[in-house]
């Protein structure tokens, strides 16, 4: 893909659409069913292992979801993924894996639920900073896109600005809408038990 906007769209779909849908549908079962037997067995072992518990802590999940976005948008990392099919695959897998970890605390009802709005709100800040930089820095950040021919009438700088704007809007909606929904659910009065008839 020569357009950075298309790359951005792909990453956003992996992290904010595919990952939460897999998580809601029991990602471990889905991944085991589609994987070769040795991989499926490893997934099952990891899913049940005590060693994975620190990885599944909400702080670890938040860091995984945010850092994968930040790291892969560092110019050297992005250009490495663009120059190698293997690294590009690793990049896509890491976006999906980071998304799976990120959405786990959001979709798991329980003690974490009152903190979900703050969890999601804080996650918008690194993405907002990155998207604002891409949109307003005034220069093409990634060398691999500088010489790209204009596509859809967009220059490389305009393409980068569109990618930044897309990320800014998409992440705001994808994170803040569920945050508001959870907040409203927490603030809504719980139905009182019907009182038993006296006598």
Protein backbone atom coordinates (compact mmCIF):
# COMPACT_ATOMS: atom_id res chain seq x y z
CA UNK A 1 0.00 0.00 0.00
CA UNK A 2 1.42 3.36 -0.98
CA UNK A 3 -1.18 5.36 0.93
CA UNK A 4 -0.47 5.83 4.63
CA UNK A 5 -4.21 6.37 5.11
CA UNK A 6 -4.89 2.81 3.95
CA UNK A 7 -2.30 1.46 6.37
CA UNK A 8 -3.89 3.46 9.16
CA UNK A 9 -7.34 2.13 8.26
CA UNK A 10 -6.03 -1.45 8.32
CA UNK A 11 -4.45 -0.99 11.74
CA UNK A 12 -7.57 0.64 13.17
CA UNK A 13 -9.78 -2.16 11.86
CA UNK A 14 -7.52 -4.77 13.45
CA UNK A 15 -7.37 -3.05 16.84
CA UNK A 16 -10.86 -1.60 17.25
CA UNK A 17 -13.11 -3.90 15.20
CA UNK A 18 -11.52 -7.34 14.77
CA UNK A 19 -9.95 -7.52 18.23
CA UNK A 20 -13.04 -6.65 20.33
CA UNK A 21 -15.24 -8.89 18.17
CA UNK A 22 -12.84 -11.79 18.69
CA UNK A 23 -12.67 -10.98 22.39
CA UNK A 24 -16.45 -10.88 22.71
CA UNK A 25 -16.67 -14.22 20.94
CA UNK A 26 -13.98 -15.89 23.12
CA UNK A 27 -10.76 -15.23 21.23
CA UNK A 28 -8.89 -18.21 22.69
CA UNK A 29 -11.49 -20.65 21.35
CA UNK A 30 -11.56 -18.91 17.97
CA UNK A 31 -7.77 -18.91 17.64
CA UNK A 32 -7.45 -22.53 18.74
CA UNK A 33 -10.09 -23.70 16.28
CA UNK A 34 -8.31 -22.10 13.32
CA UNK A 35 -4.73 -22.88 14.27
CA UNK A 36 -2.59 -25.99 13.64
CA UNK A 37 -2.63 -28.52 16.49
CA UNK A 38 0.74 -27.55 18.07
CA UNK A 39 -0.21 -23.87 18.00
CA UNK A 40 -3.68 -24.62 19.35
CA UNK A 41 -2.17 -26.61 22.22
CA UNK A 42 0.23 -23.77 23.02
CA UNK A 43 -2.63 -21.25 23.04
CA UNK A 44 -4.60 -23.45 25.42
CA UNK A 45 -1.61 -23.81 27.73
CA UNK A 46 -0.92 -20.07 27.77
CA UNK A 47 -4.57 -19.29 28.33
CA UNK A 48 -4.57 -21.34 31.51
CA UNK A 49 -1.02 -20.64 32.69
CA UNK A 50 -0.33 -18.67 35.85
CA UNK A 51 2.58 -17.09 34.01
CA UNK A 52 0.14 -15.17 31.81
CA UNK A 53 -1.70 -13.54 34.71
CA UNK A 54 0.62 -10.49 34.92
CA UNK A 55 0.22 -10.08 31.16
CA UNK A 56 -3.56 -10.02 31.58
CA UNK A 57 -3.52 -7.37 34.30
CA UNK A 58 -5.41 -4.24 33.15
CA UNK A 59 -2.25 -2.10 33.33
CA UNK A 60 -0.39 -4.59 31.11
CA UNK A 61 -3.32 -4.73 28.71
CA UNK A 62 -3.45 -0.93 28.51
CA UNK A 63 0.29 -0.70 27.88
CA UNK A 64 0.12 -3.39 25.20
CA UNK A 65 -2.71 -1.65 23.36
CA UNK A 66 -1.14 1.80 23.44
CA UNK A 67 2.52 0.91 22.98
CA UNK A 68 1.91 -1.20 19.90
CA UNK A 69 0.38 1.87 18.24
CA UNK A 70 3.16 4.21 19.31
CA UNK A 71 6.06 1.86 18.52
CA UNK A 72 4.91 0.95 15.02
CA UNK A 73 4.49 4.61 14.13
CA UNK A 74 8.10 5.39 14.98
CA UNK A 75 9.60 6.08 11.52
CA UNK A 76 12.27 3.35 11.71
CA UNK A 77 9.73 0.70 12.76
CA UNK A 78 7.15 1.76 10.16
CA UNK A 79 9.70 1.74 7.36
CA UNK A 80 10.98 -1.68 8.46
CA UNK A 81 7.45 -3.06 8.18
CA UNK A 82 7.04 -1.44 4.77
CA UNK A 83 10.30 -2.88 3.44
CA UNK A 84 9.80 -6.51 4.51
CA UNK A 85 6.85 -8.84 4.06
CA UNK A 86 7.84 -10.75 7.19
CA UNK A 87 8.03 -7.62 9.32
CA UNK A 88 4.77 -6.40 7.84
CA UNK A 89 3.11 -9.63 8.96
CA UNK A 90 4.63 -9.25 12.43
CA UNK A 91 3.27 -5.72 12.54
CA UNK A 92 -0.26 -6.84 11.69
CA UNK A 93 -0.18 -9.71 14.19
CA UNK A 94 1.07 -7.36 16.91
CA UNK A 95 -1.75 -4.90 16.22
CA UNK A 96 -4.29 -7.69 16.57
CA UNK A 97 -2.63 -9.14 19.68
CA UNK A 98 -2.34 -5.70 21.26
CA UNK A 99 -6.00 -5.09 20.49
CA UNK A 100 -7.04 -8.39 22.05
CA UNK A 101 -5.19 -7.55 25.25
CA UNK A 102 -6.43 -3.96 25.29
CA UNK A 103 -10.13 -4.84 25.01
CA UNK A 104 -10.01 -7.69 27.51
CA UNK A 105 -10.56 -5.54 30.65
CA UNK A 106 -13.23 -3.52 28.84
CA UNK A 107 -15.33 -6.54 27.93
CA UNK A 108 -14.77 -8.45 31.17
CA UNK A 109 -17.52 -7.48 33.58
CA UNK A 110 -16.49 -7.33 37.21
CA UNK A 111 -14.38 -5.24 39.55
CA UNK A 112 -12.71 -3.49 36.62
CA UNK A 113 -15.95 -2.06 35.23
CA UNK A 114 -16.00 1.21 37.27
CA UNK A 115 -12.51 1.99 35.95
CA UNK A 116 -13.28 1.25 32.28
CA UNK A 117 -14.21 4.87 31.37
CA UNK A 118 -10.89 6.15 32.77
CA UNK A 119 -9.02 3.24 31.13
CA UNK A 120 -10.46 4.18 27.73
CA UNK A 121 -10.08 7.92 28.22
CA UNK A 122 -6.39 7.59 29.10
CA UNK A 123 -5.87 5.41 26.02
CA UNK A 124 -7.01 8.24 23.74
CA UNK A 125 -4.18 10.56 24.84
CA UNK A 126 -1.20 8.78 23.17
CA UNK A 127 -3.26 8.25 20.02
CA UNK A 128 -4.39 11.88 20.01
CA UNK A 129 -0.80 13.08 20.36
CA UNK A 130 0.37 10.82 17.54
CA UNK A 131 -2.49 11.70 15.21
CA UNK A 132 -2.10 15.43 15.90
CA UNK A 133 1.60 15.19 15.08
CA UNK A 134 0.90 13.42 11.79
CA UNK A 135 -1.81 15.92 10.87
CA UNK A 136 -0.06 19.16 11.81
CA UNK A 137 3.72 18.65 11.68
CA UNK A 138 3.84 20.04 8.13
CA UNK A 139 6.32 17.50 6.74
CA UNK A 140 6.24 13.92 5.51
CA UNK A 141 7.45 11.85 8.46
CA UNK A 142 8.06 8.52 6.72
CA UNK A 143 10.74 8.42 4.01
CA UNK A 144 9.09 5.44 2.32
CA UNK A 145 6.06 7.61 1.49
CA UNK A 146 7.91 10.74 0.33
CA UNK A 147 8.46 9.59 -3.23
CA UNK A 148 5.10 7.86 -3.59
CA UNK A 149 3.09 9.04 -6.60
CA UNK A 150 -0.08 10.97 -5.88
CA UNK A 151 -3.06 8.66 -5.36
CA UNK A 152 -6.68 9.78 -5.28
CA UNK A 153 -5.36 13.28 -5.87
CA UNK A 154 -3.47 13.31 -2.55
CA UNK A 155 0.15 14.36 -2.18
CA UNK A 156 2.24 12.40 0.38
CA UNK A 157 1.78 15.20 2.93
CA UNK A 158 -1.99 15.34 2.37
CA UNK A 159 -2.13 11.55 2.66
CA UNK A 160 -0.31 11.75 6.01
CA UNK A 161 -2.68 14.48 7.19
CA UNK A 162 -5.67 12.33 6.22
CA UNK A 163 -4.16 9.38 8.10
CA UNK A 164 -3.70 11.51 11.21
CA UNK A 165 -7.24 12.91 10.99
CA UNK A 166 -8.66 9.42 10.47
CA UNK A 167 -6.86 8.10 13.54
CA UNK A 168 -7.94 11.07 15.63
CA UNK A 169 -11.62 10.70 14.75
CA UNK A 170 -11.73 6.89 14.78
CA UNK A 171 -9.99 6.42 18.13
CA UNK A 172 -12.13 9.11 19.74
CA UNK A 173 -15.32 7.34 18.65
CA UNK A 174 -14.04 3.79 19.26
CA UNK A 175 -12.85 4.52 22.80
CA UNK A 176 -15.15 7.25 24.10
CA UNK A 177 -18.46 5.78 22.91
CA UNK A 178 -18.02 2.59 25.00
CA UNK A 179 -16.67 4.74 27.85
CA UNK A 180 -19.87 6.80 27.84
CA UNK A 181 -22.00 3.65 27.55
CA UNK A 182 -20.31 2.07 30.57
CA UNK A 183 -20.63 5.32 32.53
CA UNK A 184 -24.35 5.54 31.82
CA UNK A 185 -24.81 1.91 32.84
CA UNK A 186 -22.95 2.49 36.10
CA UNK A 187 -24.96 5.62 36.89
CA UNK A 188 -28.34 4.18 35.98
CA UNK A 189 -30.41 3.04 38.98
CA UNK A 190 -30.46 -0.69 39.49
CA UNK A 191 -33.92 -2.24 39.46
CA UNK A 192 -35.09 -2.81 43.00
CA UNK A 193 -36.31 -6.19 43.99
CA UNK A 194 -40.03 -6.42 44.10
CA UNK A 195 -41.22 -6.42 47.67
CA UNK A 196 -42.94 -9.57 48.76
CA UNK A 197 -46.62 -9.18 49.63
CA UNK A 198 -47.13 -8.91 53.38
CA UNK A 199 -49.17 -11.49 55.14
